[in-house]
Amino acid sequence: SVSLSLFWASSATSKTWSVVTPSTPAVMTISKSDIGVTEISISVKNEVSNVEIKVESLKSNPQSAEPTTTVYQYLEITKSQISNDDIDKATLKFKVSNSWLDSNGVGENNIVLYRYTDEWVQLATKVISSTSTNVFYEAETDGFSSFAIGTKEEAAAVTTTTTTVPPS
């Protein structure tokens, strides 16, 4: 029989840097098949020491609010010995399988990375490459917390009516 704890278990990986300086970004490459993020690059404003970043794929939404209707994966990215204020820019590269895109009827350009602060916020996300099995994306964030890879929610359409008054 399958243990129920496997259902709730998530996959995680972490990396520690002794020193991270503004001139040399910290880069973490992730090659776990069950974690959507493939790389994290962090540029800092000031030198920081003993920095640790942990990336965890989650089986369910860690927040009460839903980021979007269709989610590929939830992630938690935690940090130690570095604050969000130390981060100048962080770039996350991630992948979504073509089989998931096809089975959910999602176009490769309709995927976005969401970050949770006080609410789910869409991060600027772009396609960087694709293979026969995956589409690879890149998004920038200014900090770490809960993330979701999911479908882009379109802003509600605004209808504008223009009335032209003929000159009298």
Protein backbone atom coordinates (compact mmCIF):
# COMPACT_ATOMS: atom_id res chain seq x y z
CA SER A 1 0.00 0.00 0.00
CA VAL A 2 1.10 3.56 -0.68
CA SER A 3 1.80 5.71 2.35
CA LEU A 4 -0.44 8.76 2.59
CA SER A 5 2.57 10.85 3.59
CA LEU A 6 3.85 10.47 0.01
CA PHE A 7 0.76 12.29 -1.22
CA TRP A 8 1.59 15.35 0.90
CA ALA A 9 5.34 15.11 0.52
CA SER A 10 7.10 17.60 -1.65
CA SER A 11 10.47 17.65 -3.32
CA ALA A 12 13.08 20.12 -2.13
CA THR A 13 16.62 21.20 -2.86
CA SER A 14 18.84 23.89 -1.41
CA LYS A 15 22.16 25.63 -1.96
CA THR A 16 24.42 27.69 0.29
CA TRP A 17 26.93 30.36 -0.74
CA SER A 18 29.66 31.51 1.65
CA VAL A 19 29.70 35.00 0.10
CA VAL A 20 27.51 36.73 -2.50
CA THR A 21 28.72 40.08 -3.85
CA PRO A 22 27.09 42.70 -6.11
CA SER A 23 29.60 41.88 -8.87
CA THR A 24 28.93 38.11 -8.86
CA PRO A 25 25.32 36.87 -8.87
CA ALA A 26 24.56 33.70 -6.94
CA VAL A 27 23.30 31.03 -9.35
CA MET A 28 21.48 27.87 -8.31
CA THR A 29 20.83 25.22 -10.96
CA ILE A 30 18.05 22.75 -10.21
CA SER A 31 17.79 19.48 -12.09
CA LYS A 32 15.03 17.72 -10.14
CA SER A 33 12.32 16.60 -12.55
CA ASP A 34 9.54 17.25 -10.01
CA ILE A 35 10.53 20.89 -9.39
CA GLY A 36 9.44 23.29 -12.15
CA VAL A 37 12.17 25.86 -11.37
CA THR A 38 15.40 25.07 -13.25
CA GLU A 39 17.56 28.02 -12.18
CA ILE A 40 17.61 30.91 -9.73
CA SER A 41 20.01 33.81 -10.18
CA ILE A 42 20.28 36.42 -7.42
CA SER A 43 21.98 39.81 -7.71
CA VAL A 44 22.52 41.58 -4.40
CA LYS A 45 22.86 45.28 -3.48
CA ASN A 46 25.48 44.62 -0.76
CA GLU A 47 27.75 41.72 0.09
CA VAL A 48 26.01 39.00 2.11
CA SER A 49 27.47 35.87 3.75
CA ASN A 50 26.28 32.31 4.36
CA VAL A 51 23.23 32.70 2.15
CA GLU A 52 20.96 29.70 1.74
CA ILE A 53 18.12 29.33 -0.76
CA LYS A 54 15.70 26.40 -0.58
CA VAL A 55 13.23 25.54 -3.35
CA GLU A 56 10.35 23.22 -2.61
CA SER A 57 7.61 21.95 -4.91
CA LEU A 58 4.27 21.80 -3.11
CA LYS A 59 1.39 19.39 -3.67
CA SER A 60 -1.20 22.08 -2.92
CA ASN A 61 -1.72 25.84 -2.63
CA PRO A 62 -0.01 27.16 0.53
CA GLN A 63 -2.30 30.23 0.56
CA SER A 64 -6.04 30.56 0.99
CA ALA A 65 -6.47 32.63 -2.19
CA GLU A 66 -6.19 31.06 -5.65
CA PRO A 67 -3.70 32.73 -8.02
CA THR A 68 -5.42 31.56 -11.21
CA THR A 69 -7.84 28.93 -12.46
CA THR A 70 -5.21 26.49 -13.78
CA VAL A 71 -1.96 25.89 -11.89
CA TYR A 72 0.95 23.75 -13.11
CA GLN A 73 2.88 23.82 -9.83
CA TYR A 74 3.06 25.59 -6.47
CA LEU A 75 6.49 26.36 -5.05
CA GLU A 76 7.92 27.74 -1.85
CA ILE A 77 11.27 29.50 -2.07
CA THR A 78 12.79 30.29 1.30
CA LYS A 79 15.97 32.10 2.18
CA SER A 80 18.24 32.51 5.17
CA GLN A 81 20.97 35.07 5.91
CA ILE A 82 19.56 37.35 3.19
CA SER A 83 16.55 39.66 3.28
CA ASN A 84 14.37 40.73 0.38
CA ASP A 85 15.92 44.21 0.88
CA ASP A 86 19.37 42.76 0.09
CA ILE A 87 18.14 41.49 -3.28
CA ASP A 88 18.66 43.78 -6.23
CA LYS A 89 17.11 41.35 -8.71
CA ALA A 90 16.32 37.66 -8.77
CA THR A 91 15.62 35.76 -11.97
CA LEU A 92 13.78 32.45 -11.95
CA LYS A 93 13.94 30.11 -14.91
CA PHE A 94 11.31 27.38 -15.00
CA LYS A 95 9.78 24.82 -17.29
CA VAL A 96 6.31 23.54 -18.10
CA SER A 97 5.83 20.23 -19.90
CA ASN A 98 4.27 20.30 -23.35
CA SER A 99 2.04 17.38 -22.32
CA TRP A 100 0.55 19.48 -19.49
CA LEU A 101 0.05 22.47 -21.82
CA ASP A 102 -1.67 20.22 -24.39
CA SER A 103 -3.88 18.37 -21.91
CA ASN A 104 -5.01 21.67 -20.34
CA GLY A 105 -5.48 23.46 -23.68
CA VAL A 106 -2.99 26.18 -22.68
CA GLY A 107 -0.83 28.03 -25.21
CA GLU A 108 2.85 28.39 -24.32
CA ASN A 109 2.49 32.20 -24.20
CA ASN A 110 -0.31 31.98 -21.62
CA ILE A 111 1.90 30.80 -18.76
CA VAL A 112 2.99 33.20 -16.03
CA LEU A 113 4.79 33.00 -12.70
CA TYR A 114 2.82 34.30 -9.72
CA ARG A 115 4.34 35.42 -6.42
CA TYR A 116 2.40 35.71 -3.17
CA THR A 117 3.08 38.69 -0.92
CA ASP A 118 -0.25 39.97 0.45
CA GLU A 119 -1.98 38.59 -2.64
CA TRP A 120 -1.01 36.65 -5.77
CA VAL A 121 0.75 38.94 -8.26
CA GLN A 122 1.62 38.08 -11.87
CA LEU A 123 5.34 38.52 -12.58
CA ALA A 124 6.57 39.57 -16.01
CA THR A 125 7.23 36.19 -17.64
CA LYS A 126 8.70 35.39 -21.04
CA VAL A 127 9.32 32.24 -23.08
CA ILE A 128 13.07 31.71 -23.52
CA SER A 129 13.14 28.38 -25.38
CA SER A 130 11.33 25.13 -26.03
CA THR A 131 12.11 21.49 -26.75
CA SER A 132 9.95 18.57 -27.81
CA THR A 133 9.08 17.97 -24.14
CA ASN A 134 9.15 21.35 -22.32
CA VAL A 135 8.74 25.09 -22.72
CA PHE A 136 11.25 27.16 -20.72
CA TYR A 137 10.38 30.51 -19.15
CA GLU A 138 12.06 33.33 -17.26
CA ALA A 139 10.59 35.74 -14.71
CA GLU A 140 12.03 38.37 -12.39
CA THR A 141 11.12 38.84 -8.74
CA ASP A 142 12.33 41.16 -6.01
CA GLY A 143 11.96 38.61 -3.24
CA PHE A 144 11.12 35.06 -2.23
CA SER A 145 7.95 33.53 -0.81
CA SER A 146 5.22 31.32 -2.30
CA PHE A 147 5.08 31.02 -6.09
CA ALA A 148 2.72 29.41 -8.58
CA ILE A 149 3.32 28.53 -12.21
CA GLY A 150 -0.03 28.90 -13.91
CA THR A 151 -2.18 30.35 -16.63
CA LYS A 152 -2.28 34.06 -17.30
CA GLU A 153 -5.47 35.69 -16.03
CA GLU A 154 -6.63 38.30 -18.49
CA ALA A 155 -7.77 41.62 -17.10
CA ALA A 156 -11.53 42.06 -17.28
CA ALA A 157 -12.52 43.65 -20.55
CA VAL A 158 -13.51 47.27 -20.26
CA THR A 159 -16.13 48.48 -22.71
CA THR A 160 -15.86 52.12 -23.69
CA THR A 161 -18.68 53.89 -25.43
CA THR A 162 -17.89 57.11 -27.24
CA THR A 163 -20.69 59.49 -28.07
CA THR A 164 -19.97 62.12 -30.68
CA VAL A 165 -22.06 65.25 -30.40
CA PRO A 166 -22.39 66.99 -33.79
CA PRO A 167 -21.34 70.65 -33.81
CA SER A 168 -24.31 73.00 -33.53
